[in-house]
Amino acid sequence: MISPAARQTPEPQSAAVARLPEDAARLGGEVVFEPGGHGCLRVLPDQDAVLPAPADGTQLVLGPHVAHDPHRLTLDGYVLRIRCDTDAAGRRAMIGSQLHGRTQWFGRAECRPRP
């Protein structure tokens, strides 16, 4: 017989928090992810989003049709993007890395956060 303590699922090493900012003009226009130990991701999926001023430790992730700041592209060398694709009966999140002129898309399994 297995003891109740042995059946418990171990706690993850790092937790992530996702929240919708209370001051957002439109629900879902911005989502903030704070993966434990990996800084902060501000996701702007809405093509009408207004780009915020860059903050220390915050990485912007833009929807596929959100205009990027050319100055940030020059400084960082890339723009992170996110899109959702239909996959059979579900949805699949794709992460994009936009360089000058083109975006290369990756599945979630191909991505990992770095501190």
N, C-alpha and C. Protein backbone atom coordinates (compact mmCIF):
# COMPACT_ATOMS: atom_id res chain seq x y z
N MET A 1 0.84 -1.17 0.00
CA MET A 1 0.00 0.00 0.00
C MET A 1 0.89 1.24 0.00
N ILE A 2 0.49 2.25 -0.79
CA ILE A 2 1.24 3.49 -0.89
C ILE A 2 0.72 4.48 0.13
N SER A 3 1.62 5.08 0.88
CA SER A 3 1.22 6.05 1.90
C SER A 3 0.73 7.32 1.22
N PRO A 4 -0.15 8.11 1.89
CA PRO A 4 -0.64 9.36 1.31
C PRO A 4 0.49 10.33 0.98
N ALA A 5 1.53 10.36 1.79
CA ALA A 5 2.65 11.26 1.52
C ALA A 5 3.36 10.88 0.22
N ALA A 6 3.44 9.61 -0.12
CA ALA A 6 4.12 9.16 -1.33
C ALA A 6 3.32 9.49 -2.58
N ARG A 7 1.99 9.68 -2.44
CA ARG A 7 1.14 9.99 -3.58
C ARG A 7 1.13 11.46 -3.95
N GLN A 8 1.64 12.31 -3.10
CA GLN A 8 1.61 13.74 -3.38
C GLN A 8 2.55 14.08 -4.52
N THR A 9 2.11 14.99 -5.36
CA THR A 9 2.94 15.47 -6.46
C THR A 9 3.91 16.50 -5.91
N PRO A 10 5.19 16.39 -6.25
CA PRO A 10 6.15 17.37 -5.74
C PRO A 10 5.85 18.77 -6.27
N GLU A 11 6.12 19.77 -5.45
CA GLU A 11 5.92 21.16 -5.85
C GLU A 11 6.91 21.52 -6.95
N PRO A 12 6.50 22.32 -7.93
CA PRO A 12 7.45 22.75 -8.97
C PRO A 12 8.55 23.61 -8.35
N GLN A 13 9.72 23.58 -8.97
CA GLN A 13 10.86 24.33 -8.47
C GLN A 13 10.65 25.84 -8.60
N SER A 14 10.00 26.28 -9.64
CA SER A 14 9.71 27.70 -9.80
C SER A 14 8.30 27.85 -10.34
N ALA A 15 7.57 28.78 -9.77
CA ALA A 15 6.19 29.00 -10.19
C ALA A 15 6.14 30.25 -11.05
N ALA A 16 5.14 30.31 -11.92
CA ALA A 16 4.93 31.49 -12.75
C ALA A 16 3.60 32.11 -12.37
N VAL A 17 3.54 33.42 -12.43
CA VAL A 17 2.32 34.15 -12.14
C VAL A 17 1.93 34.91 -13.39
N ALA A 18 0.67 34.83 -13.76
CA ALA A 18 0.14 35.61 -14.88
C ALA A 18 -0.96 36.50 -14.34
N ARG A 19 -0.97 37.75 -14.78
CA ARG A 19 -2.01 38.67 -14.31
C ARG A 19 -2.38 39.66 -15.41
N LEU A 20 -3.59 40.16 -15.31
CA LEU A 20 -4.07 41.22 -16.19
C LEU A 20 -3.96 42.52 -15.41
N PRO A 21 -3.19 43.48 -15.87
CA PRO A 21 -3.05 44.74 -15.14
C PRO A 21 -4.40 45.41 -14.93
N GLU A 22 -4.62 45.93 -13.73
CA GLU A 22 -5.89 46.56 -13.40
C GLU A 22 -6.11 47.85 -14.18
N ASP A 23 -5.03 48.52 -14.58
CA ASP A 23 -5.18 49.78 -15.28
C ASP A 23 -5.22 49.61 -16.80
N ALA A 24 -5.30 48.37 -17.26
CA ALA A 24 -5.34 48.13 -18.71
C ALA A 24 -6.61 48.73 -19.29
N ALA A 25 -6.48 49.36 -20.45
CA ALA A 25 -7.62 50.00 -21.10
C ALA A 25 -8.63 48.97 -21.59
N ARG A 26 -8.17 47.79 -21.95
CA ARG A 26 -9.05 46.75 -22.50
C ARG A 26 -8.63 45.40 -21.94
N LEU A 27 -9.57 44.65 -21.40
CA LEU A 27 -9.28 43.34 -20.84
C LEU A 27 -8.63 42.45 -21.89
N GLY A 28 -7.48 41.89 -21.59
CA GLY A 28 -6.77 41.03 -22.52
C GLY A 28 -5.83 41.78 -23.44
N GLY A 29 -5.84 43.12 -23.37
CA GLY A 29 -4.93 43.91 -24.19
C GLY A 29 -3.49 43.80 -23.73
N GLU A 30 -3.31 43.37 -22.49
CA GLU A 30 -1.97 43.15 -21.94
C GLU A 30 -2.05 42.06 -20.89
N VAL A 31 -1.07 41.17 -20.91
CA VAL A 31 -0.95 40.12 -19.90
C VAL A 31 0.49 40.16 -19.40
N VAL A 32 0.66 40.11 -18.09
CA VAL A 32 1.99 40.13 -17.50
C VAL A 32 2.28 38.76 -16.92
N PHE A 33 3.40 38.14 -17.35
CA PHE A 33 3.85 36.86 -16.82
C PHE A 33 5.10 37.11 -16.01
N GLU A 34 5.15 36.51 -14.84
CA GLU A 34 6.32 36.61 -13.99
C GLU A 34 6.80 35.20 -13.63
N PRO A 35 7.54 34.57 -14.56
CA PRO A 35 8.06 33.23 -14.25
C PRO A 35 9.15 33.34 -13.19
N GLY A 36 9.07 32.52 -12.16
CA GLY A 36 10.01 32.58 -11.06
C GLY A 36 11.46 32.56 -11.52
N GLY A 37 12.21 33.58 -11.14
CA GLY A 37 13.63 33.63 -11.45
C GLY A 37 13.98 34.03 -12.87
N HIS A 38 13.00 34.46 -13.66
CA HIS A 38 13.28 34.77 -15.07
C HIS A 38 12.81 36.16 -15.49
N GLY A 39 12.72 37.09 -14.59
CA GLY A 39 12.30 38.44 -14.96
C GLY A 39 10.81 38.53 -15.22
N CYS A 40 10.41 39.47 -16.02
CA CYS A 40 9.00 39.74 -16.26
C CYS A 40 8.76 39.84 -17.77
N LEU A 41 7.67 39.22 -18.23
CA LEU A 41 7.27 39.30 -19.64
C LEU A 41 5.96 40.07 -19.72
N ARG A 42 5.94 41.14 -20.52
CA ARG A 42 4.70 41.88 -20.78
C ARG A 42 4.26 41.51 -22.18
N VAL A 43 3.13 40.83 -22.29
CA VAL A 43 2.62 40.36 -23.57
C VAL A 43 1.53 41.33 -24.03
N LEU A 44 1.72 41.87 -25.24
CA LEU A 44 0.76 42.80 -25.84
C LEU A 44 0.22 42.16 -27.12
N PRO A 45 -0.90 41.40 -27.01
CA PRO A 45 -1.43 40.70 -28.18
C PRO A 45 -2.26 41.59 -29.11
N ASP A 46 -2.76 42.70 -28.63
CA ASP A 46 -3.68 43.56 -29.38
C ASP A 46 -2.93 44.45 -30.36
N GLN A 47 -3.31 44.42 -31.63
CA GLN A 47 -2.60 45.22 -32.63
C GLN A 47 -2.75 46.72 -32.40
N ASP A 48 -3.69 47.14 -31.57
CA ASP A 48 -3.85 48.55 -31.24
C ASP A 48 -3.11 48.93 -29.96
N ALA A 49 -2.27 48.03 -29.45
CA ALA A 49 -1.56 48.28 -28.21
C ALA A 49 -0.60 49.45 -28.35
N VAL A 50 -0.47 50.19 -27.27
CA VAL A 50 0.50 51.28 -27.21
C VAL A 50 1.71 50.73 -26.46
N LEU A 51 2.87 50.79 -27.10
CA LEU A 51 4.07 50.24 -26.47
C LEU A 51 4.46 51.06 -25.26
N PRO A 52 4.65 50.40 -24.12
CA PRO A 52 5.07 51.12 -22.93
C PRO A 52 6.56 51.45 -23.00
N ALA A 53 6.99 52.39 -22.20
CA ALA A 53 8.42 52.68 -22.10
C ALA A 53 9.10 51.45 -21.51
N PRO A 54 10.27 51.08 -22.02
CA PRO A 54 10.94 49.89 -21.50
C PRO A 54 11.30 50.07 -20.04
N ALA A 55 11.11 49.01 -19.28
CA ALA A 55 11.45 49.02 -17.85
C ALA A 55 12.55 47.99 -17.61
N ASP A 56 13.37 48.25 -16.64
CA ASP A 56 14.44 47.32 -16.32
C ASP A 56 13.87 45.95 -15.96
N GLY A 57 14.44 44.91 -16.55
CA GLY A 57 14.03 43.55 -16.24
C GLY A 57 12.73 43.11 -16.89
N THR A 58 12.14 43.95 -17.73
CA THR A 58 10.89 43.61 -18.39
C THR A 58 11.16 43.36 -19.87
N GLN A 59 10.68 42.24 -20.36
CA GLN A 59 10.82 41.89 -21.78
C GLN A 59 9.44 41.99 -22.42
N LEU A 60 9.32 42.76 -23.49
CA LEU A 60 8.06 42.85 -24.21
C LEU A 60 7.93 41.67 -25.17
N VAL A 61 6.73 41.11 -25.24
CA VAL A 61 6.39 40.07 -26.20
C VAL A 61 5.15 40.58 -26.93
N LEU A 62 5.28 40.80 -28.23
CA LEU A 62 4.22 41.43 -29.00
C LEU A 62 3.43 40.41 -29.80
N GLY A 63 2.14 40.71 -30.02
CA GLY A 63 1.33 39.90 -30.91
C GLY A 63 1.87 39.99 -32.33
N PRO A 64 1.41 39.14 -33.23
CA PRO A 64 1.98 39.09 -34.57
C PRO A 64 1.78 40.37 -35.38
N HIS A 65 0.78 41.18 -35.04
CA HIS A 65 0.50 42.39 -35.82
C HIS A 65 0.74 43.68 -35.05
N VAL A 66 1.37 43.60 -33.89
CA VAL A 66 1.66 44.80 -33.10
C VAL A 66 2.93 45.45 -33.66
N ALA A 67 2.84 46.74 -33.96
CA ALA A 67 4.01 47.46 -34.48
C ALA A 67 5.08 47.53 -33.40
N HIS A 68 6.33 47.30 -33.79
CA HIS A 68 7.43 47.35 -32.83
C HIS A 68 8.13 48.71 -32.89
N ASP A 69 8.91 48.96 -31.87
CA ASP A 69 9.70 50.19 -31.80
C ASP A 69 11.01 49.94 -32.53
N PRO A 70 11.27 50.58 -33.67
CA PRO A 70 12.50 50.34 -34.42
C PRO A 70 13.77 50.60 -33.60
N HIS A 71 13.69 51.55 -32.67
CA HIS A 71 14.84 51.84 -31.81
C HIS A 71 15.16 50.64 -30.92
N ARG A 72 14.12 50.01 -30.35
CA ARG A 72 14.35 48.82 -29.51
C ARG A 72 14.90 47.67 -30.34
N LEU A 73 14.42 47.53 -31.58
CA LEU A 73 14.94 46.48 -32.46
C LEU A 73 16.43 46.70 -32.71
N THR A 74 16.80 47.95 -32.92
CA THR A 74 18.22 48.27 -33.13
C THR A 74 19.04 47.97 -31.89
N LEU A 75 18.53 48.36 -30.71
CA LEU A 75 19.27 48.14 -29.46
C LEU A 75 19.37 46.66 -29.10
N ASP A 76 18.24 45.95 -29.15
CA ASP A 76 18.20 44.55 -28.72
C ASP A 76 18.61 43.58 -29.83
N GLY A 77 18.38 43.95 -31.08
CA GLY A 77 18.69 43.07 -32.20
C GLY A 77 17.57 42.11 -32.55
N TYR A 78 16.47 42.13 -31.80
CA TYR A 78 15.34 41.23 -32.05
C TYR A 78 14.10 41.78 -31.38
N VAL A 79 12.93 41.26 -31.78
CA VAL A 79 11.65 41.53 -31.13
C VAL A 79 11.01 40.17 -30.89
N LEU A 80 10.54 39.93 -29.66
CA LEU A 80 9.82 38.68 -29.37
C LEU A 80 8.35 38.85 -29.71
N ARG A 81 7.79 37.80 -30.31
CA ARG A 81 6.38 37.83 -30.71
C ARG A 81 5.69 36.54 -30.24
N ILE A 82 4.37 36.59 -30.16
CA ILE A 82 3.57 35.42 -29.79
C ILE A 82 2.33 35.38 -30.68
N ARG A 83 1.93 34.17 -31.06
CA ARG A 83 0.68 34.00 -31.81
C ARG A 83 0.08 32.66 -31.38
N CYS A 84 -1.21 32.51 -31.64
CA CYS A 84 -1.90 31.25 -31.36
C CYS A 84 -2.40 30.69 -32.68
N ASP A 85 -2.07 29.44 -32.94
CA ASP A 85 -2.50 28.75 -34.15
C ASP A 85 -3.49 27.66 -33.80
N THR A 86 -4.40 27.36 -34.72
CA THR A 86 -5.31 26.24 -34.54
C THR A 86 -4.54 24.96 -34.82
N ASP A 87 -4.67 24.01 -33.92
CA ASP A 87 -3.98 22.73 -34.03
C ASP A 87 -5.00 21.62 -33.79
N ALA A 88 -5.55 21.06 -34.86
CA ALA A 88 -6.62 20.06 -34.77
C ALA A 88 -7.80 20.70 -34.04
N ALA A 89 -8.14 20.19 -32.85
CA ALA A 89 -9.28 20.73 -32.12
C ALA A 89 -8.87 21.72 -31.04
N GLY A 90 -7.61 22.09 -30.98
CA GLY A 90 -7.14 22.99 -29.93
C GLY A 90 -6.36 24.17 -30.48
N ARG A 91 -5.68 24.83 -29.59
CA ARG A 91 -4.85 25.98 -29.95
C ARG A 91 -3.42 25.71 -29.51
N ARG A 92 -2.47 26.26 -30.25
CA ARG A 92 -1.06 26.07 -29.95
C ARG A 92 -0.39 27.44 -29.94
N ALA A 93 0.32 27.75 -28.85
CA ALA A 93 1.05 29.02 -28.76
C ALA A 93 2.38 28.87 -29.48
N MET A 94 2.70 29.86 -30.32
CA MET A 94 3.97 29.90 -31.04
C MET A 94 4.71 31.15 -30.61
N ILE A 95 6.01 31.02 -30.37
CA ILE A 95 6.86 32.13 -29.98
C ILE A 95 7.72 32.50 -31.18
N GLY A 96 7.77 33.79 -31.49
CA GLY A 96 8.53 34.25 -32.63
C GLY A 96 9.69 35.14 -32.24
N SER A 97 10.75 35.03 -32.99
CA SER A 97 11.92 35.90 -32.83
C SER A 97 12.06 36.68 -34.14
N GLN A 98 11.72 37.99 -34.08
CA GLN A 98 11.78 38.82 -35.27
C GLN A 98 13.14 39.50 -35.33
N LEU A 99 13.82 39.28 -36.41
CA LEU A 99 15.06 39.99 -36.69
C LEU A 99 14.71 41.04 -37.72
N HIS A 100 15.64 41.71 -38.28
CA HIS A 100 15.36 42.74 -39.28
C HIS A 100 14.70 42.09 -40.51
N GLY A 101 13.39 42.29 -40.66
CA GLY A 101 12.71 41.85 -41.87
C GLY A 101 11.95 40.54 -41.81
N ARG A 102 12.25 39.64 -40.88
CA ARG A 102 11.50 38.37 -40.87
C ARG A 102 11.37 37.84 -39.45
N THR A 103 10.35 36.99 -39.24
CA THR A 103 10.10 36.38 -37.93
C THR A 103 10.20 34.87 -38.08
N GLN A 104 10.96 34.25 -37.20
CA GLN A 104 11.07 32.79 -37.16
C GLN A 104 10.25 32.32 -35.97
N TRP A 105 9.35 31.34 -36.22
CA TRP A 105 8.41 30.87 -35.19
C TRP A 105 8.85 29.54 -34.62
N PHE A 106 8.62 29.36 -33.30
CA PHE A 106 8.99 28.14 -32.59
C PHE A 106 7.83 27.68 -31.72
N GLY A 107 7.68 26.37 -31.56
CA GLY A 107 6.71 25.81 -30.65
C GLY A 107 7.20 25.95 -29.22
N ARG A 108 6.29 25.85 -28.27
CA ARG A 108 6.63 26.00 -26.86
C ARG A 108 7.70 25.02 -26.42
N ALA A 109 7.67 23.79 -26.93
CA ALA A 109 8.64 22.78 -26.55
C ALA A 109 10.07 23.15 -26.98
N GLU A 110 10.18 24.03 -27.95
CA GLU A 110 11.50 24.44 -28.44
C GLU A 110 12.06 25.64 -27.67
N CYS A 111 11.30 26.16 -26.72
CA CYS A 111 11.70 27.37 -26.00
C CYS A 111 11.94 27.06 -24.53
N ARG A 112 12.87 27.80 -23.93
CA ARG A 112 13.08 27.71 -22.49
C ARG A 112 13.56 29.06 -21.99
N PRO A 113 13.09 29.48 -20.82
CA PRO A 113 13.52 30.77 -20.29
C PRO A 113 14.94 30.70 -19.75
N ARG A 114 15.64 31.81 -19.85
CA ARG A 114 16.97 31.94 -19.26
C ARG A 114 16.96 33.14 -18.34
N PRO A 115 17.65 33.04 -17.21
CA PRO A 115 17.66 34.20 -16.28
C PRO A 115 18.39 35.37 -16.88
